[in-house]
C-alpha atoms as a PDB file:
ATOM      1  CA  MET A   1     320.590  33.579 106.707  1.00  0.00           C
ATOM      2  CA  PHE A   2     323.076  31.126 105.159  1.00  0.00           C
ATOM      3  CA  GLY A   3     325.245  33.962 103.886  1.00  0.00           C
ATOM      4  CA  LEU A   4     322.642  35.087 101.341  1.00  0.00           C
ATOM      5  CA  GLY A   5     322.258  38.803 100.882  1.00  0.00           C
ATOM      6  CA  THR A   6     319.500  40.816  99.285  1.00  0.00           C
ATOM      7  CA  PRO A   7     320.885  40.610  95.727  1.00  0.00           C
ATOM      8  CA  GLU A   8     321.160  36.823  95.891  1.00  0.00           C
ATOM      9  CA  LEU A   9     317.635  36.460  97.268  1.00  0.00           C
ATOM     10  CA  LEU A  10     316.256  38.729  94.537  1.00  0.00           C
ATOM     11  CA  ILE A  11     317.935  36.628  91.851  1.00  0.00           C
ATOM     12  CA  ILE A  12     316.566  33.413  93.379  1.00  0.00           C
ATOM     13  CA  PHE A  13     313.079  34.937  93.588  1.00  0.00           C
ATOM     14  CA  ALA A  14     313.257  36.132  89.974  1.00  0.00           C
ATOM     15  CA  ILE A  15     314.288  32.674  88.749  1.00  0.00           C
ATOM     16  CA  ALA A  16     311.495  31.063  90.798  1.00  0.00           C
ATOM     17  CA  PHE A  17     309.024  33.553  89.335  1.00  0.00           C
ATOM     18  CA  LEU A  18     310.126  32.716  85.805  1.00  0.00           C
ATOM     19  CA  VAL A  19     310.012  28.952  86.414  1.00  0.00           C
ATOM     20  CA  PHE A  20     306.756  28.689  88.358  1.00  0.00           C
ATOM     21  CA  GLY A  21     304.835  31.803  87.412  1.00  0.00           C
ATOM     22  CA  GLY A  22     303.015  34.328  89.563  1.00  0.00           C
ATOM     23  CA  LYS A  23     299.989  32.182  90.356  1.00  0.00           C
ATOM     24  CA  LYS A  24     301.956  29.204  91.649  1.00  0.00           C
ATOM     25  CA  LEU A  25     304.428  31.096  93.898  1.00  0.00           C
ATOM     26  CA  PRO A  26     301.977  31.796  96.786  1.00  0.00           C
ATOM     27  CA  GLU A  27     301.017  28.110  96.830  1.00  0.00           C
ATOM     28  CA  LEU A  28     304.685  27.097  96.885  1.00  0.00           C
ATOM     29  CA  GLY A  29     305.449  29.563  99.681  1.00  0.00           C
ATOM     30  CA  SER A  30     302.530  28.326 101.729  1.00  0.00           C
ATOM     31  CA  GLY A  31     303.537  24.709 101.230  1.00  0.00           C
ATOM     32  CA  LEU A  32     307.142  25.477 102.135  1.00  0.00           C
ATOM     33  CA  GLY A  33     306.044  27.301 105.291  1.00  0.00           C
ATOM     34  CA  LYS A  34     303.853  24.374 106.340  1.00  0.00           C
ATOM     35  CA  ALA A  35     306.670  21.911 105.659  1.00  0.00           C
ATOM     36  CA  ILE A  36     309.137  23.905 107.750  1.00  0.00           C
ATOM     37  CA  GLY A  37     306.606  24.167 110.593  1.00  0.00           C
ATOM     38  CA  SER A  38     305.927  20.447 110.435  1.00  0.00           C
ATOM     39  CA  PHE A  39     309.654  19.702 110.475  1.00  0.00           C
ATOM     40  CA  LYS A  40     310.193  21.920 113.530  1.00  0.00           C
ATOM     41  CA  ARG A  41     307.303  20.259 115.392  1.00  0.00           C
ATOM     42  CA  GLY A  42     308.668  16.817 114.550  1.00  0.00           C
ATOM     43  CA  LEU A  43     312.143  17.803 115.694  1.00  0.00           C
ATOM     44  CA  HIS A  44     310.721  19.131 118.956  1.00  0.00           C
ATOM     45  CA  ASP A  45     308.815  15.875 119.494  1.00  0.00           C
ATOM     46  CA  VAL A  46     311.969  13.810 118.918  1.00  0.00           C
ATOM     47  CA  GLU A  47     313.971  15.968 121.326  1.00  0.00           C
ATOM     48  CA  GLU A  48     311.234  15.651 123.947  1.00  0.00           C
ATOM     49  CA  ALA A  49     311.092  11.877 123.500  1.00  0.00           C
ATOM     50  CA  GLY A  50     314.886  11.713 123.913  1.00  0.00           C
ATOM     51  CA  ARG A  51     314.660  13.666 127.168  1.00  0.00           C
ATOM     52  CA  ASP A  52     311.906  11.358 128.401  1.00  0.00           C
ATOM     53  CA  VAL A  53     313.981   8.270 127.609  1.00  0.00           C
ATOM     54  CA  LYS A  54     317.039   9.822 129.222  1.00  0.00           C
ATOM     55  CA  ASN A  55     315.130  10.637 132.400  1.00  0.00           C
ATOM     56  CA  SER A  56     313.419   7.244 132.604  1.00  0.00           C
ATOM     57  CA  LEU A  57     316.559   5.082 132.338  1.00  0.00           C
ATOM     58  CA  PRO A  58     318.061   4.075 135.684  1.00  0.00           C
ATOM     59  CA  GLY A  59     321.428   5.615 136.455  1.00  0.00           C
ATOM     60  CA  VAL A  60     321.406   8.123 133.612  1.00  0.00           C
ATOM     61  CA  LYS A  61     320.747  11.065 135.909  1.00  0.00           C
ATOM     62  CA  GLU A  62     323.684  10.102 138.121  1.00  0.00           C
ATOM     63  CA  VAL A  63     325.998   9.653 135.151  1.00  0.00           C
ATOM     64  CA  THR A  64     324.963  13.056 133.803  1.00  0.00           C
ATOM     65  CA  GLU A  65     325.732  14.672 137.165  1.00  0.00           C
ATOM     66  CA  ILE A  66     329.133  12.951 137.311  1.00  0.00           C
ATOM     67  CA  ARG A  67     329.880  14.065 133.769  1.00  0.00           C
ATOM     68  CA  GLY A  68     329.128  17.652 134.758  1.00  0.00           C
ATOM     69  CA  THR A  69     331.441  17.358 137.747  1.00  0.00           C
ATOM     70  CA  VAL A  70     334.226  15.970 135.549  1.00  0.00           C
ATOM     71  CA  GLU A  71     333.779  18.823 133.049  1.00  0.00           C
ATOM     72  CA  LYS A  72     334.004  21.378 135.884  1.00  0.00           C
ATOM     73  CA  ALA A  73     337.198  19.705 137.119  1.00  0.00           C
ATOM     74  CA  ARG A  74     338.677  19.832 133.612  1.00  0.00           C
ATOM     75  CA  LYS A  75     337.901  23.544 133.357  1.00  0.00           C
ATOM     76  CA  ILE A  76     339.558  24.188 136.721  1.00  0.00           C
ATOM     77  CA  THR A  77     342.698  22.263 135.732  1.00  0.00           C
ATOM     78  CA  ASN A  78     342.855  24.146 132.424  1.00  0.00           C
ATOM     79  CA  VAL A  79     342.677  27.471 134.278  1.00  0.00           C
ATOM     80  CA  LEU A  80     345.443  26.424 136.700  1.00  0.00           C
ATOM     81  CA  ARG A  81     347.865  25.508 133.914  1.00  0.00           C
END
């Protein structure tokens, strides 16, 4: 998790406890959890909208297939070298 170990997380938690106090920390954690969930849902919606746009544009599917074929050919030529 971002290269943070247990000692680092304990220090961060202790500082947060000193700054915000014991009563405010559960509220902050809940708000942070909701914000992360909302961000993930929004990101999923954007990705889904991008796929819809990609699939609805004429010729995009064909170009994607050709791109895949070109990538396969590049891999084969790299193996043969």
